């Protein structure tokens, strides 16, 4: 089973990159009222905003709670 469902964030035109993936590339970004940490990757699936980690350590591996990952099981 492939668990790298988020895709490669650096390739903006990549087919298969999750549309729920958000990268905070500058200070002052928010999702709703939630402030986002600079250089962090977030998942906005299911109306929530969850941090997946820092862009330097982000592997594209989907967390176990990911709705796309649950569908593939």
C-alpha atoms as a PDB file:
ATOM      1  CA  UNK A   1       0.000   0.000   0.000  1.00  0.00           C
ATOM      2  CA  UNK A   2       1.331   3.428  -0.973  1.00  0.00           C
ATOM      3  CA  UNK A   3       1.293   5.808   1.992  1.00  0.00           C
ATOM      4  CA  UNK A   4       2.835   8.790   0.174  1.00  0.00           C
ATOM      5  CA  UNK A   5      -0.478  10.338  -0.825  1.00  0.00           C
ATOM      6  CA  UNK A   6       0.318  13.982  -0.054  1.00  0.00           C
ATOM      7  CA  UNK A   7       2.686  14.276  -2.999  1.00  0.00           C
ATOM      8  CA  UNK A   8       5.721  16.456  -3.571  1.00  0.00           C
ATOM      9  CA  UNK A   9       5.119  19.998  -2.431  1.00  0.00           C
ATOM     10  CA  UNK A  10       8.063  21.455  -4.363  1.00  0.00           C
ATOM     11  CA  UNK A  11       6.523  20.516  -7.712  1.00  0.00           C
ATOM     12  CA  UNK A  12       3.499  22.821  -7.868  1.00  0.00           C
ATOM     13  CA  UNK A  13       2.210  21.293 -11.128  1.00  0.00           C
ATOM     14  CA  UNK A  14       2.507  17.683  -9.984  1.00  0.00           C
ATOM     15  CA  UNK A  15      -0.468  15.484 -10.738  1.00  0.00           C
ATOM     16  CA  UNK A  16      -1.537  13.628  -7.650  1.00  0.00           C
ATOM     17  CA  UNK A  17      -0.527  16.296  -5.137  1.00  0.00           C
ATOM     18  CA  UNK A  18      -3.218  16.522  -2.507  1.00  0.00           C
ATOM     19  CA  UNK A  19      -5.341  19.686  -2.827  1.00  0.00           C
ATOM     20  CA  UNK A  20      -5.595  19.831   0.985  1.00  0.00           C
ATOM     21  CA  UNK A  21      -1.837  20.335   1.363  1.00  0.00           C
ATOM     22  CA  UNK A  22      -0.835  23.875   2.460  1.00  0.00           C
ATOM     23  CA  UNK A  23       2.703  25.210   2.821  1.00  0.00           C
ATOM     24  CA  UNK A  24       3.272  28.302   4.975  1.00  0.00           C
ATOM     25  CA  UNK A  25       6.148  29.931   3.129  1.00  0.00           C
ATOM     26  CA  UNK A  26       6.045  33.307   4.889  1.00  0.00           C
ATOM     27  CA  UNK A  27       5.183  34.876   8.224  1.00  0.00           C
ATOM     28  CA  UNK A  28       1.660  35.997   9.002  1.00  0.00           C
ATOM     29  CA  UNK A  29      -0.278  33.310   7.106  1.00  0.00           C
ATOM     30  CA  UNK A  30      -3.435  31.939   8.672  1.00  0.00           C
ATOM     31  CA  UNK A  31      -6.036  29.293   7.962  1.00  0.00           C
ATOM     32  CA  UNK A  32      -9.254  30.732   9.304  1.00  0.00           C
ATOM     33  CA  UNK A  33      -8.137  32.152  12.622  1.00  0.00           C
ATOM     34  CA  UNK A  34      -5.304  29.651  13.115  1.00  0.00           C
ATOM     35  CA  UNK A  35      -1.840  31.185  12.640  1.00  0.00           C
ATOM     36  CA  UNK A  36       0.492  29.005  10.577  1.00  0.00           C
ATOM     37  CA  UNK A  37       4.169  28.522  11.422  1.00  0.00           C
ATOM     38  CA  UNK A  38       6.570  29.635   8.725  1.00  0.00           C
ATOM     39  CA  UNK A  39       8.120  26.753   6.722  1.00  0.00           C
ATOM     40  CA  UNK A  40       5.560  24.233   7.951  1.00  0.00           C
ATOM     41  CA  UNK A  41       3.269  21.915   5.981  1.00  0.00           C
ATOM     42  CA  UNK A  42      -0.409  21.557   6.898  1.00  0.00           C
ATOM     43  CA  UNK A  43      -3.312  19.316   5.974  1.00  0.00           C
ATOM     44  CA  UNK A  44      -6.691  21.051   5.696  1.00  0.00           C
ATOM     45  CA  UNK A  45      -8.798  17.934   5.031  1.00  0.00           C
ATOM     46  CA  UNK A  46     -12.142  17.538   6.759  1.00  0.00           C
ATOM     47  CA  UNK A  47     -12.318  21.249   7.611  1.00  0.00           C
ATOM     48  CA  UNK A  48      -9.404  21.044  10.057  1.00  0.00           C
ATOM     49  CA  UNK A  49      -5.886  22.410   9.828  1.00  0.00           C
ATOM     50  CA  UNK A  50      -3.257  20.008  11.144  1.00  0.00           C
ATOM     51  CA  UNK A  51       0.504  20.460  11.034  1.00  0.00           C
ATOM     52  CA  UNK A  52       2.387  17.663   9.245  1.00  0.00           C
ATOM     53  CA  UNK A  53       5.802  19.052  10.138  1.00  0.00           C
ATOM     54  CA  UNK A  54       8.534  21.281   8.823  1.00  0.00           C
ATOM     55  CA  UNK A  55       9.068  21.399   5.045  1.00  0.00           C
ATOM     56  CA  UNK A  56      12.686  20.256   5.471  1.00  0.00           C
ATOM     57  CA  UNK A  57      11.586  17.009   7.096  1.00  0.00           C
ATOM     58  CA  UNK A  58       8.325  16.504   5.176  1.00  0.00           C
ATOM     59  CA  UNK A  59       8.400  13.211   3.248  1.00  0.00           C
ATOM     60  CA  UNK A  60       4.953  13.273   1.650  1.00  0.00           C
ATOM     61  CA  UNK A  61       3.965  10.321   3.802  1.00  0.00           C
ATOM     62  CA  UNK A  62       0.310  10.623   4.750  1.00  0.00           C
ATOM     63  CA  UNK A  63      -0.631  10.384   8.435  1.00  0.00           C
ATOM     64  CA  UNK A  64      -2.823   7.505   9.595  1.00  0.00           C
ATOM     65  CA  UNK A  65      -5.792   9.857  10.075  1.00  0.00           C
ATOM     66  CA  UNK A  66      -5.681  11.034   6.431  1.00  0.00           C
ATOM     67  CA  UNK A  67      -9.095  10.572   4.714  1.00  0.00           C
ATOM     68  CA  UNK A  68      -7.418   9.663   1.384  1.00  0.00           C
ATOM     69  CA  UNK A  69      -5.293   7.028   3.130  1.00  0.00           C
ATOM     70  CA  UNK A  70      -8.330   5.555   4.907  1.00  0.00           C
ATOM     71  CA  UNK A  71     -10.083   5.189   1.528  1.00  0.00           C
ATOM     72  CA  UNK A  72      -7.204   3.117   0.130  1.00  0.00           C
ATOM     73  CA  UNK A  73      -7.218   0.590   2.989  1.00  0.00           C
END
